[in-house]
Each structure stands twice: as C-alpha cells, then as structure tokens.
Amino acid sequence: MRYEFRVSGHLSTAVAGAFPELEGATVAEETVLYGPVTDEAHLYGLLARFQDLGLHVVEMRRLPE
C-alpha cells in the first residue's frame, strides 16, 4: 500500500528525517509526504510520530497501486 500525508507548514530537514521511509515535497503551505505503508500497525505508527512531533495532518489518503 502507498499513502500520502499532507501536513501543515514546511518541515525542517530534521523533522522530515523522522520519516525515512517517506519521500517529501513542499506544496504551497503544506508538506506532502508519501510512500509505502506495510500494514495497519505501520500506518498507526506513522500517525503517532506525526502527533508526537506536534504536526497537523491536513489530509491522509491511500494512493492507487
């Protein structure tokens, strides 16, 4: 499965480094992170990391294969 996460604001290199399994791009006032998510536990782990870092996830969606 592949997912896309849209996060408010621009992430610093250090914060983006907390998501080594995801690629990123900056679009307007958001950062888009995308990449493979192996299973439900991995997905919840990513969401927990966003929360732990105080990031606001604007949108999350599964990408077509």
N, C-alpha and C. Protein backbone atom coordinates (compact mmCIF):
# COMPACT_ATOMS: atom_id res chain seq x y z
N MET A 1 0.84 -1.18 0.00
CA MET A 1 0.00 0.00 0.00
C MET A 1 0.89 1.24 0.00
N ARG A 2 0.43 2.27 -0.66
CA ARG A 2 1.12 3.56 -0.64
C ARG A 2 0.14 4.60 -0.10
N TYR A 3 0.68 5.51 0.71
CA TYR A 3 -0.15 6.56 1.30
C TYR A 3 0.49 7.91 1.06
N GLU A 4 -0.37 8.94 1.09
CA GLU A 4 0.06 10.33 1.02
C GLU A 4 -0.46 11.04 2.26
N PHE A 5 0.42 11.81 2.90
CA PHE A 5 0.07 12.59 4.08
C PHE A 5 0.37 14.05 3.78
N ARG A 6 -0.63 14.91 3.95
CA ARG A 6 -0.43 16.35 3.79
C ARG A 6 -0.37 16.96 5.19
N VAL A 7 0.73 17.67 5.46
CA VAL A 7 1.00 18.23 6.77
C VAL A 7 1.08 19.74 6.65
N SER A 8 0.50 20.46 7.59
CA SER A 8 0.54 21.93 7.58
C SER A 8 1.98 22.40 7.71
N GLY A 9 2.32 23.41 6.93
CA GLY A 9 3.62 24.06 7.04
C GLY A 9 4.73 23.32 6.31
N HIS A 10 5.94 23.87 6.46
CA HIS A 10 7.13 23.32 5.83
C HIS A 10 7.94 22.62 6.91
N LEU A 11 8.32 21.39 6.66
CA LEU A 11 9.08 20.63 7.64
C LEU A 11 10.58 20.90 7.49
N SER A 12 11.24 21.02 8.62
CA SER A 12 12.70 21.16 8.58
C SER A 12 13.30 19.82 8.17
N THR A 13 14.57 19.84 7.80
CA THR A 13 15.26 18.62 7.42
C THR A 13 15.27 17.62 8.58
N ALA A 14 15.46 18.12 9.79
CA ALA A 14 15.49 17.25 10.97
C ALA A 14 14.15 16.57 11.19
N VAL A 15 13.06 17.31 11.08
CA VAL A 15 11.73 16.73 11.30
C VAL A 15 11.41 15.76 10.17
N ALA A 16 11.70 16.12 8.94
CA ALA A 16 11.45 15.22 7.81
C ALA A 16 12.26 13.94 7.97
N GLY A 17 13.42 14.02 8.61
CA GLY A 17 14.25 12.86 8.86
C GLY A 17 13.62 11.85 9.79
N ALA A 18 12.58 12.24 10.51
CA ALA A 18 11.86 11.32 11.39
C ALA A 18 10.99 10.35 10.59
N PHE A 19 10.92 10.56 9.28
CA PHE A 19 10.11 9.72 8.40
C PHE A 19 10.97 9.20 7.24
N PRO A 20 11.99 8.39 7.55
CA PRO A 20 12.92 7.97 6.49
C PRO A 20 12.29 7.11 5.41
N GLU A 21 11.16 6.48 5.72
CA GLU A 21 10.51 5.62 4.74
C GLU A 21 9.64 6.39 3.76
N LEU A 22 9.47 7.70 3.98
CA LEU A 22 8.62 8.52 3.13
C LEU A 22 9.44 9.55 2.36
N GLU A 23 9.00 9.85 1.15
CA GLU A 23 9.57 10.93 0.36
C GLU A 23 8.72 12.17 0.60
N GLY A 24 9.28 13.33 0.32
CA GLY A 24 8.52 14.54 0.59
C GLY A 24 8.66 15.59 -0.48
N ALA A 25 7.69 16.50 -0.48
CA ALA A 25 7.67 17.64 -1.38
C ALA A 25 6.89 18.75 -0.69
N THR A 26 7.26 19.99 -0.98
CA THR A 26 6.56 21.13 -0.42
C THR A 26 5.63 21.70 -1.48
N VAL A 27 4.36 21.89 -1.09
CA VAL A 27 3.35 22.43 -2.00
C VAL A 27 2.63 23.54 -1.25
N ALA A 28 2.76 24.77 -1.75
CA ALA A 28 2.14 25.94 -1.10
C ALA A 28 2.51 25.97 0.38
N GLU A 29 1.56 25.92 1.26
CA GLU A 29 1.81 26.00 2.70
C GLU A 29 1.77 24.63 3.38
N GLU A 30 1.97 23.58 2.59
CA GLU A 30 1.91 22.22 3.13
C GLU A 30 3.14 21.43 2.70
N THR A 31 3.43 20.39 3.45
CA THR A 31 4.43 19.41 3.06
C THR A 31 3.68 18.12 2.77
N VAL A 32 3.99 17.52 1.64
CA VAL A 32 3.37 16.26 1.24
C VAL A 32 4.40 15.16 1.41
N LEU A 33 4.08 14.19 2.25
CA LEU A 33 4.93 13.02 2.44
C LEU A 33 4.20 11.82 1.86
N TYR A 34 4.91 10.96 1.15
CA TYR A 34 4.27 9.82 0.52
C TYR A 34 5.24 8.66 0.44
N GLY A 35 4.66 7.47 0.43
CA GLY A 35 5.49 6.28 0.32
C GLY A 35 4.76 5.04 0.77
N PRO A 36 5.51 3.94 0.85
CA PRO A 36 4.90 2.66 1.19
C PRO A 36 4.55 2.58 2.68
N VAL A 37 3.42 1.95 2.95
CA VAL A 37 2.99 1.64 4.32
C VAL A 37 2.72 0.14 4.31
N THR A 38 3.46 -0.59 5.13
CA THR A 38 3.43 -2.04 5.06
C THR A 38 2.16 -2.68 5.60
N ASP A 39 1.61 -2.11 6.67
CA ASP A 39 0.42 -2.69 7.27
C ASP A 39 -0.24 -1.67 8.19
N GLU A 40 -1.31 -2.07 8.85
CA GLU A 40 -2.06 -1.17 9.71
C GLU A 40 -1.22 -0.67 10.89
N ALA A 41 -0.39 -1.53 11.45
CA ALA A 41 0.47 -1.13 12.57
C ALA A 41 1.46 -0.05 12.13
N HIS A 42 1.99 -0.19 10.93
CA HIS A 42 2.91 0.83 10.39
C HIS A 42 2.19 2.16 10.21
N LEU A 43 0.96 2.10 9.69
CA LEU A 43 0.16 3.32 9.50
C LEU A 43 -0.07 4.03 10.83
N TYR A 44 -0.50 3.28 11.84
CA TYR A 44 -0.73 3.89 13.16
C TYR A 44 0.57 4.41 13.77
N GLY A 45 1.68 3.74 13.49
CA GLY A 45 2.97 4.22 13.97
C GLY A 45 3.35 5.55 13.34
N LEU A 46 3.08 5.69 12.04
CA LEU A 46 3.34 6.97 11.36
C LEU A 46 2.48 8.07 11.95
N LEU A 47 1.19 7.78 12.15
CA LEU A 47 0.29 8.79 12.72
C LEU A 47 0.74 9.19 14.12
N ALA A 48 1.23 8.24 14.90
CA ALA A 48 1.73 8.54 16.24
C ALA A 48 2.96 9.44 16.16
N ARG A 49 3.85 9.18 15.18
CA ARG A 49 5.03 10.04 15.00
C ARG A 49 4.62 11.47 14.65
N PHE A 50 3.65 11.61 13.75
CA PHE A 50 3.15 12.96 13.42
C PHE A 50 2.67 13.66 14.69
N GLN A 51 1.89 12.95 15.49
CA GLN A 51 1.34 13.53 16.71
C GLN A 51 2.45 13.86 17.71
N ASP A 52 3.40 12.95 17.90
CA ASP A 52 4.50 13.18 18.84
C ASP A 52 5.33 14.41 18.48
N LEU A 53 5.43 14.69 17.18
CA LEU A 53 6.19 15.84 16.71
C LEU A 53 5.35 17.12 16.64
N GLY A 54 4.08 17.01 17.01
CA GLY A 54 3.20 18.17 17.01
C GLY A 54 2.80 18.63 15.62
N LEU A 55 2.80 17.71 14.66
CA LEU A 55 2.45 18.06 13.29
C LEU A 55 0.96 17.87 13.07
N HIS A 56 0.38 18.77 12.28
CA HIS A 56 -1.05 18.72 11.97
C HIS A 56 -1.23 18.07 10.60
N VAL A 57 -1.79 16.86 10.57
CA VAL A 57 -2.07 16.17 9.32
C VAL A 57 -3.38 16.72 8.77
N VAL A 58 -3.28 17.38 7.63
CA VAL A 58 -4.44 18.00 6.99
C VAL A 58 -5.24 16.95 6.23
N GLU A 59 -4.53 16.04 5.58
CA GLU A 59 -5.19 15.02 4.77
C GLU A 59 -4.31 13.78 4.72
N MET A 60 -4.95 12.63 4.70
CA MET A 60 -4.26 11.35 4.54
C MET A 60 -5.09 10.54 3.56
N ARG A 61 -4.42 9.94 2.59
CA ARG A 61 -5.18 9.11 1.64
C ARG A 61 -4.31 7.99 1.09
N ARG A 62 -4.98 6.92 0.78
CA ARG A 62 -4.29 5.79 0.16
C ARG A 62 -4.17 6.07 -1.33
N LEU A 63 -2.99 5.83 -1.86
CA LEU A 63 -2.73 6.07 -3.28
C LEU A 63 -2.98 4.80 -4.09
N PRO A 64 -3.39 4.94 -5.34
CA PRO A 64 -3.58 3.76 -6.17
C PRO A 64 -2.23 3.08 -6.39
N GLU A 65 -2.28 1.78 -6.52
CA GLU A 65 -1.03 1.00 -6.75
C GLU A 65 -0.53 1.18 -8.15
